[in-house]
């Protein structure tokens, strides 16, 4: 019953996606160059994320992972 209610809520667009899945969606296929570009233009990225309705803690988690990605690949 729980799964059925969850699917019907998702189909109706009422179900809010969790923070982890939002972060994974944003940084899943980001390359090293893309991560560096996003960090250089971070103020613009913040305004885009806020327009999408992301909270500041979610945005800071995205930034933290982007920093890790940009450092990890450049070595």
PDB file of N, CA and C in Angstrom:
ATOM      1  N   UNK A   1       0.829  -1.190   0.000  1.00  0.00           N
ATOM      2  CA  UNK A   1       0.000   0.000   0.000  1.00  0.00           C
ATOM      3  C   UNK A   1       0.876   1.258   0.000  1.00  0.00           C
ATOM      4  N   UNK A   2       1.950   1.232   0.795  1.00  0.00           N
ATOM      5  CA  UNK A   2       2.833   2.394   0.851  1.00  0.00           C
ATOM      6  C   UNK A   2       3.443   2.685  -0.522  1.00  0.00           C
ATOM      7  N   UNK A   3       3.908   1.631  -1.192  1.00  0.00           N
ATOM      8  CA  UNK A   3       4.534   1.815  -2.504  1.00  0.00           C
ATOM      9  C   UNK A   3       3.525   2.352  -3.516  1.00  0.00           C
ATOM     10  N   UNK A   4       2.299   1.865  -3.446  1.00  0.00           N
ATOM     11  CA  UNK A   4       1.265   2.337  -4.375  1.00  0.00           C
ATOM     12  C   UNK A   4       0.978   3.819  -4.144  1.00  0.00           C
ATOM     13  N   UNK A   5       0.867   4.209  -2.875  1.00  0.00           N
ATOM     14  CA  UNK A   5       0.631   5.623  -2.560  1.00  0.00           C
ATOM     15  C   UNK A   5       1.800   6.489  -3.016  1.00  0.00           C
ATOM     16  N   UNK A   6       3.009   5.970  -2.847  1.00  0.00           N
ATOM     17  CA  UNK A   6       4.200   6.718  -3.254  1.00  0.00           C
ATOM     18  C   UNK A   6       4.214   6.929  -4.766  1.00  0.00           C
ATOM     19  N   UNK A   7       3.918   5.872  -5.519  1.00  0.00           N
ATOM     20  CA  UNK A   7       3.904   5.996  -6.977  1.00  0.00           C
ATOM     21  C   UNK A   7       2.811   6.944  -7.442  1.00  0.00           C
ATOM     22  N   UNK A   8       1.642   6.874  -6.820  1.00  0.00           N
ATOM     23  CA  UNK A   8       0.564   7.778  -7.239  1.00  0.00           C
ATOM     24  C   UNK A   8       0.921   9.225  -6.905  1.00  0.00           C
ATOM     25  N   UNK A   9       1.593   9.451  -5.778  1.00  0.00           N
ATOM     26  CA  UNK A   9       2.026  10.805  -5.426  1.00  0.00           C
ATOM     27  C   UNK A   9       3.104  11.292  -6.390  1.00  0.00           C
ATOM     28  N   UNK A  10       4.003  10.396  -6.782  1.00  0.00           N
ATOM     29  CA  UNK A  10       5.053  10.775  -7.720  1.00  0.00           C
ATOM     30  C   UNK A  10       4.453  11.127  -9.076  1.00  0.00           C
ATOM     31  N   UNK A  11       3.489  10.321  -9.527  1.00  0.00           N
ATOM     32  CA  UNK A  11       2.839  10.584 -10.810  1.00  0.00           C
ATOM     33  C   UNK A  11       2.061  11.897 -10.785  1.00  0.00           C
ATOM     34  N   UNK A  12       1.491  12.228  -9.637  1.00  0.00           N
ATOM     35  CA  UNK A  12       0.720  13.468  -9.520  1.00  0.00           C
ATOM     36  C   UNK A  12       1.625  14.684  -9.376  1.00  0.00           C
ATOM     37  N   UNK A  13       2.927  14.455  -9.123  1.00  0.00           N
ATOM     38  CA  UNK A  13       3.859  15.559  -8.959  1.00  0.00           C
ATOM     39  C   UNK A  13       3.850  16.141  -7.564  1.00  0.00           C
ATOM     40  N   UNK A  14       3.288  15.408  -6.605  1.00  0.00           N
ATOM     41  CA  UNK A  14       3.187  15.896  -5.233  1.00  0.00           C
ATOM     42  C   UNK A  14       4.390  15.451  -4.409  1.00  0.00           C
ATOM     43  N   UNK A  15       4.971  14.306  -4.773  1.00  0.00           N
ATOM     44  CA  UNK A  15       6.072  13.742  -3.997  1.00  0.00           C
ATOM     45  C   UNK A  15       7.315  14.607  -4.153  1.00  0.00           C
ATOM     46  N   UNK A  16       7.866  15.042  -3.048  1.00  0.00           N
ATOM     47  CA  UNK A  16       9.088  15.828  -3.067  1.00  0.00           C
ATOM     48  C   UNK A  16      10.277  14.883  -3.095  1.00  0.00           C
ATOM     49  N   UNK A  17      11.195  15.143  -4.005  1.00  0.00           N
ATOM     50  CA  UNK A  17      12.377  14.300  -4.124  1.00  0.00           C
ATOM     51  C   UNK A  17      13.332  14.640  -2.993  1.00  0.00           C
ATOM     52  N   UNK A  18      13.997  13.637  -2.458  1.00  0.00           N
ATOM     53  CA  UNK A  18      14.908  13.842  -1.340  1.00  0.00           C
ATOM     54  C   UNK A  18      16.169  14.582  -1.736  1.00  0.00           C
ATOM     55  N   UNK A  19      16.876  15.093  -0.727  1.00  0.00           N
ATOM     56  CA  UNK A  19      18.077  15.890  -0.956  1.00  0.00           C
ATOM     57  C   UNK A  19      19.176  15.084  -1.641  1.00  0.00           C
ATOM     58  N   UNK A  20      19.359  13.825  -1.212  1.00  0.00           N
ATOM     59  CA  UNK A  20      20.441  13.029  -1.800  1.00  0.00           C
ATOM     60  C   UNK A  20      20.230  12.821  -3.287  1.00  0.00           C
ATOM     61  N   UNK A  21      18.992  12.560  -3.682  1.00  0.00           N
ATOM     62  CA  UNK A  21      18.743  12.337  -5.106  1.00  0.00           C
ATOM     63  C   UNK A  21      18.901  13.629  -5.902  1.00  0.00           C
ATOM     64  N   UNK A  22      18.596  14.775  -5.305  1.00  0.00           N
ATOM     65  CA  UNK A  22      18.800  16.060  -5.978  1.00  0.00           C
ATOM     66  C   UNK A  22      20.286  16.267  -6.225  1.00  0.00           C
ATOM     67  N   UNK A  23      21.096  16.010  -5.199  1.00  0.00           N
ATOM     68  CA  UNK A  23      22.540  16.199  -5.324  1.00  0.00           C
ATOM     69  C   UNK A  23      23.112  15.242  -6.364  1.00  0.00           C
ATOM     70  N   UNK A  24      22.684  13.982  -6.322  1.00  0.00           N
ATOM     71  CA  UNK A  24      23.178  13.006  -7.301  1.00  0.00           C
ATOM     72  C   UNK A  24      22.801  13.412  -8.721  1.00  0.00           C
ATOM     73  N   UNK A  25      21.591  13.936  -8.879  1.00  0.00           N
ATOM     74  CA  UNK A  25      21.140  14.360 -10.205  1.00  0.00           C
ATOM     75  C   UNK A  25      22.009  15.501 -10.728  1.00  0.00           C
ATOM     76  N   UNK A  26      22.409  16.405  -9.849  1.00  0.00           N
ATOM     77  CA  UNK A  26      23.182  17.569 -10.268  1.00  0.00           C
ATOM     78  C   UNK A  26      24.632  17.232 -10.606  1.00  0.00           C
ATOM     79  N   UNK A  27      25.242  16.297  -9.900  1.00  0.00           N
ATOM     80  CA  UNK A  27      26.679  16.079 -10.058  1.00  0.00           C
ATOM     81  C   UNK A  27      27.010  14.729 -10.676  1.00  0.00           C
ATOM     82  N   UNK A  28      25.998  13.981 -11.121  1.00  0.00           N
ATOM     83  CA  UNK A  28      26.225  12.620 -11.613  1.00  0.00           C
ATOM     84  C   UNK A  28      27.205  12.570 -12.785  1.00  0.00           C
ATOM     85  N   UNK A  29      26.984  13.352 -13.814  1.00  0.00           N
ATOM     86  CA  UNK A  29      27.802  13.251 -15.024  1.00  0.00           C
ATOM     87  C   UNK A  29      28.648  14.499 -15.260  1.00  0.00           C
ATOM     88  N   UNK A  30      29.015  15.196 -14.187  1.00  0.00           N
ATOM     89  CA  UNK A  30      29.812  16.411 -14.312  1.00  0.00           C
ATOM     90  C   UNK A  30      31.282  16.029 -14.492  1.00  0.00           C
ATOM     91  N   UNK A  31      31.917  16.595 -15.513  1.00  0.00           N
ATOM     92  CA  UNK A  31      33.336  16.333 -15.739  1.00  0.00           C
ATOM     93  C   UNK A  31      34.174  17.301 -14.911  1.00  0.00           C
ATOM     94  N   UNK A  32      35.495  17.098 -14.962  1.00  0.00           N
ATOM     95  CA  UNK A  32      36.416  17.963 -14.233  1.00  0.00           C
ATOM     96  C   UNK A  32      36.300  19.407 -14.715  1.00  0.00           C
ATOM     97  N   UNK A  33      36.269  19.605 -16.027  1.00  0.00           N
ATOM     98  CA  UNK A  33      36.183  20.959 -16.585  1.00  0.00           C
ATOM     99  C   UNK A  33      34.864  21.630 -16.207  1.00  0.00           C
ATOM    100  N   UNK A  34      33.779  20.861 -16.253  1.00  0.00           N
ATOM    101  CA  UNK A  34      32.474  21.418 -15.887  1.00  0.00           C
ATOM    102  C   UNK A  34      32.446  21.810 -14.415  1.00  0.00           C
ATOM    103  N   UNK A  35      33.049  20.977 -13.564  1.00  0.00           N
ATOM    104  CA  UNK A  35      33.081  21.289 -12.132  1.00  0.00           C
ATOM    105  C   UNK A  35      33.869  22.566 -11.883  1.00  0.00           C
ATOM    106  N   UNK A  36      35.005  22.715 -12.567  1.00  0.00           N
ATOM    107  CA  UNK A  36      35.808  23.926 -12.389  1.00  0.00           C
ATOM    108  C   UNK A  36      35.060  25.156 -12.890  1.00  0.00           C
ATOM    109  N   UNK A  37      34.356  25.029 -14.021  1.00  0.00           N
ATOM    110  CA  UNK A  37      33.599  26.157 -14.554  1.00  0.00           C
ATOM    111  C   UNK A  37      32.496  26.565 -13.592  1.00  0.00           C
ATOM    112  N   UNK A  38      31.789  25.566 -13.039  1.00  0.00           N
ATOM    113  CA  UNK A  38      30.702  25.866 -12.100  1.00  0.00           C
ATOM    114  C   UNK A  38      31.230  26.564 -10.858  1.00  0.00           C
ATOM    115  N   UNK A  39      32.416  26.160 -10.393  1.00  0.00           N
ATOM    116  CA  UNK A  39      32.990  26.799  -9.211  1.00  0.00           C
ATOM    117  C   UNK A  39      33.440  28.227  -9.522  1.00  0.00           C
ATOM    118  N   UNK A  40      33.968  28.460 -10.732  1.00  0.00           N
ATOM    119  CA  UNK A  40      34.379  29.819 -11.111  1.00  0.00           C
ATOM    120  C   UNK A  40      33.172  30.747 -11.227  1.00  0.00           C
ATOM    121  N   UNK A  41      32.056  30.218 -11.682  1.00  0.00           N
ATOM    122  CA  UNK A  41      30.831  31.007 -11.866  1.00  0.00           C
ATOM    123  C   UNK A  41      29.808  30.660 -10.787  1.00  0.00           C
ATOM    124  N   UNK A  42      30.264  30.563  -9.554  1.00  0.00           N
ATOM    125  CA  UNK A  42      29.430  30.029  -8.490  1.00  0.00           C
ATOM    126  C   UNK A  42      28.234  30.914  -8.169  1.00  0.00           C
ATOM    127  N   UNK A  43      28.385  32.240  -8.237  1.00  0.00           N
ATOM    128  CA  UNK A  43      27.255  33.125  -7.923  1.00  0.00           C
ATOM    129  C   UNK A  43      26.101  32.904  -8.900  1.00  0.00           C
ATOM    130  N   UNK A  44      26.431  32.700 -10.161  1.00  0.00           N
ATOM    131  CA  UNK A  44      25.395  32.424 -11.153  1.00  0.00           C
ATOM    132  C   UNK A  44      24.745  31.066 -10.879  1.00  0.00           C
ATOM    133  N   UNK A  45      25.552  30.084 -10.471  1.00  0.00           N
ATOM    134  CA  UNK A  45      25.019  28.759 -10.177  1.00  0.00           C
ATOM    135  C   UNK A  45      24.077  28.820  -8.972  1.00  0.00           C
ATOM    136  N   UNK A  46      24.427  29.618  -7.960  1.00  0.00           N
ATOM    137  CA  UNK A  46      23.557  29.761  -6.786  1.00  0.00           C
ATOM    138  C   UNK A  46      22.199  30.313  -7.213  1.00  0.00           C
ATOM    139  N   UNK A  47      22.215  31.341  -8.066  1.00  0.00           N
ATOM    140  CA  UNK A  47      20.928  31.911  -8.488  1.00  0.00           C
ATOM    141  C   UNK A  47      20.114  30.898  -9.288  1.00  0.00           C
ATOM    142  N   UNK A  48      20.787  30.079 -10.102  1.00  0.00           N
ATOM    143  CA  UNK A  48      20.065  29.032 -10.841  1.00  0.00           C
ATOM    144  C   UNK A  48      19.472  28.005  -9.889  1.00  0.00           C
ATOM    145  N   UNK A  49      20.255  27.578  -8.902  1.00  0.00           N
ATOM    146  CA  UNK A  49      19.767  26.578  -7.946  1.00  0.00           C
ATOM    147  C   UNK A  49      18.612  27.133  -7.114  1.00  0.00           C
ATOM    148  N   UNK A  50      18.700  28.402  -6.717  1.00  0.00           N
ATOM    149  CA  UNK A  50      17.618  29.005  -5.930  1.00  0.00           C
ATOM    150  C   UNK A  50      16.349  29.128  -6.777  1.00  0.00           C
ATOM    151  N   UNK A  51      16.508  29.416  -8.065  1.00  0.00           N
ATOM    152  CA  UNK A  51      15.360  29.498  -8.960  1.00  0.00           C
ATOM    153  C   UNK A  51      14.664  28.146  -9.063  1.00  0.00           C
ATOM    154  N   UNK A  52      15.446  27.072  -8.979  1.00  0.00           N
ATOM    155  CA  UNK A  52      14.867  25.726  -9.013  1.00  0.00           C
ATOM    156  C   UNK A  52      14.257  25.325  -7.677  1.00  0.00           C
ATOM    157  N   UNK A  53      14.500  26.123  -6.640  1.00  0.00           N
ATOM    158  CA  UNK A  53      13.889  25.846  -5.347  1.00  0.00           C
ATOM    159  C   UNK A  53      14.763  25.063  -4.392  1.00  0.00           C
ATOM    160  N   UNK A  54      16.066  24.955  -4.682  1.00  0.00           N
ATOM    161  CA  UNK A  54      16.963  24.227  -3.787  1.00  0.00           C
ATOM    162  C   UNK A  54      17.259  25.087  -2.561  1.00  0.00           C
ATOM    163  N   UNK A  55      17.419  24.425  -1.412  1.00  0.00           N
ATOM    164  CA  UNK A  55      17.751  25.151  -0.189  1.00  0.00           C
ATOM    165  C   UNK A  55      19.256  25.416  -0.144  1.00  0.00           C
ATOM    166  N   UNK A  56      19.662  26.344   0.713  1.00  0.00           N
ATOM    167  CA  UNK A  56      21.082  26.664   0.833  1.00  0.00           C
ATOM    168  C   UNK A  56      21.918  25.484   1.325  1.00  0.00           C
ATOM    169  N   UNK A  57      21.437  24.665   2.286  1.00  0.00           N
ATOM    170  CA  UNK A  57      22.225  23.480   2.664  1.00  0.00           C
ATOM    171  C   UNK A  57      22.444  22.517   1.495  1.00  0.00           C
ATOM    172  N   UNK A  58      21.440  22.350   0.649  1.00  0.00           N
ATOM    173  CA  UNK A  58      21.593  21.487  -0.526  1.00  0.00           C
ATOM    174  C   UNK A  58      22.620  22.075  -1.482  1.00  0.00           C
ATOM    175  N   UNK A  59      22.571  23.381  -1.692  1.00  0.00           N
ATOM    176  CA  UNK A  59      23.518  24.047  -2.590  1.00  0.00           C
ATOM    177  C   UNK A  59      24.939  23.906  -2.054  1.00  0.00           C
ATOM    178  N   UNK A  60      25.112  24.048  -0.741  1.00  0.00           N
ATOM    179  CA  UNK A  60      26.462  23.925  -0.179  1.00  0.00           C
ATOM    180  C   UNK A  60      26.980  22.498  -0.295  1.00  0.00           C
ATOM    181  N   UNK A  61      26.092  21.510  -0.206  1.00  0.00           N
ATOM    182  CA  UNK A  61      26.519  20.119  -0.401  1.00  0.00           C
ATOM    183  C   UNK A  61      26.932  19.873  -1.849  1.00  0.00           C
ATOM    184  N   UNK A  62      26.206  20.473  -2.786  1.00  0.00           N
ATOM    185  CA  UNK A  62      26.579  20.355  -4.196  1.00  0.00           C
ATOM    186  C   UNK A  62      27.961  20.968  -4.409  1.00  0.00           C
ATOM    187  N   UNK A  63      28.201  22.132  -3.817  1.00  0.00           N
ATOM    188  CA  UNK A  63      29.496  22.800  -3.975  1.00  0.00           C
ATOM    189  C   UNK A  63      30.619  21.953  -3.399  1.00  0.00           C
ATOM    190  N   UNK A  64      30.389  21.348  -2.245  1.00  0.00           N
ATOM    191  CA  UNK A  64      31.406  20.510  -1.606  1.00  0.00           C
ATOM    192  C   UNK A  64      31.808  19.353  -2.517  1.00  0.00           C
ATOM    193  N   UNK A  65      30.828  18.709  -3.145  1.00  0.00           N
ATOM    194  CA  UNK A  65      31.121  17.577  -4.027  1.00  0.00           C
ATOM    195  C   UNK A  65      31.798  18.059  -5.310  1.00  0.00           C
ATOM    196  N   UNK A  66      31.410  19.236  -5.811  1.00  0.00           N
ATOM    197  CA  UNK A  66      32.066  19.779  -7.000  1.00  0.00           C
ATOM    198  C   UNK A  66      33.534  20.079  -6.726  1.00  0.00           C
ATOM    199  N   UNK A  67      33.835  20.600  -5.538  1.00  0.00           N
ATOM    200  CA  UNK A  67      35.226  20.875  -5.166  1.00  0.00           C
ATOM    201  C   UNK A  67      36.019  19.575  -5.131  1.00  0.00           C
ATOM    202  N   UNK A  68      35.434  18.524  -4.538  1.00  0.00           N
ATOM    203  CA  UNK A  68      36.111  17.224  -4.495  1.00  0.00           C
ATOM    204  C   UNK A  68      36.359  16.696  -5.903  1.00  0.00           C
ATOM    205  N   UNK A  69      35.364  16.802  -6.774  1.00  0.00           N
ATOM    206  CA  UNK A  69      35.518  16.310  -8.151  1.00  0.00           C
ATOM    207  C   UNK A  69      36.599  17.073  -8.892  1.00  0.00           C
ATOM    208  N   UNK A  70      36.634  18.390  -8.740  1.00  0.00           N
ATOM    209  CA  UNK A  70      37.616  19.182  -9.481  1.00  0.00           C
ATOM    210  C   UNK A  70      39.035  18.897  -8.994  1.00  0.00           C
ATOM    211  N   UNK A  71      39.213  18.609  -7.709  1.00  0.00           N
ATOM    212  CA  UNK A  71      40.546  18.287  -7.183  1.00  0.00           C
ATOM    213  C   UNK A  71      40.960  16.871  -7.557  1.00  0.00           C
ATOM    214  N   UNK A  72      40.025  15.940  -7.477  1.00  0.00           N
ATOM    215  CA  UNK A  72      40.331  14.526  -7.694  1.00  0.00           C
ATOM    216  C   UNK A  72      40.801  14.264  -9.121  1.00  0.00           C
ATOM    217  N   UNK A  73      40.143  14.835 -10.092  1.00  0.00           N
ATOM    218  CA  UNK A  73      40.445  14.542 -11.495  1.00  0.00           C
ATOM    219  C   UNK A  73      41.682  15.283 -11.989  1.00  0.00           C
ATOM    220  N   UNK A  74      42.021  16.411 -11.373  1.00  0.00           N
ATOM    221  CA  UNK A  74      43.113  17.228 -11.897  1.00  0.00           C
ATOM    222  C   UNK A  74      44.490  16.705 -11.503  1.00  0.00           C
ATOM    223  N   UNK A  75      44.562  15.756 -10.582  1.00  0.00           N
ATOM    224  CA  UNK A  75      45.864  15.244 -10.140  1.00  0.00           C
ATOM    225  C   UNK A  75      46.513  14.373 -11.183  1.00  0.00           C
TER     226      UNK A  75
END
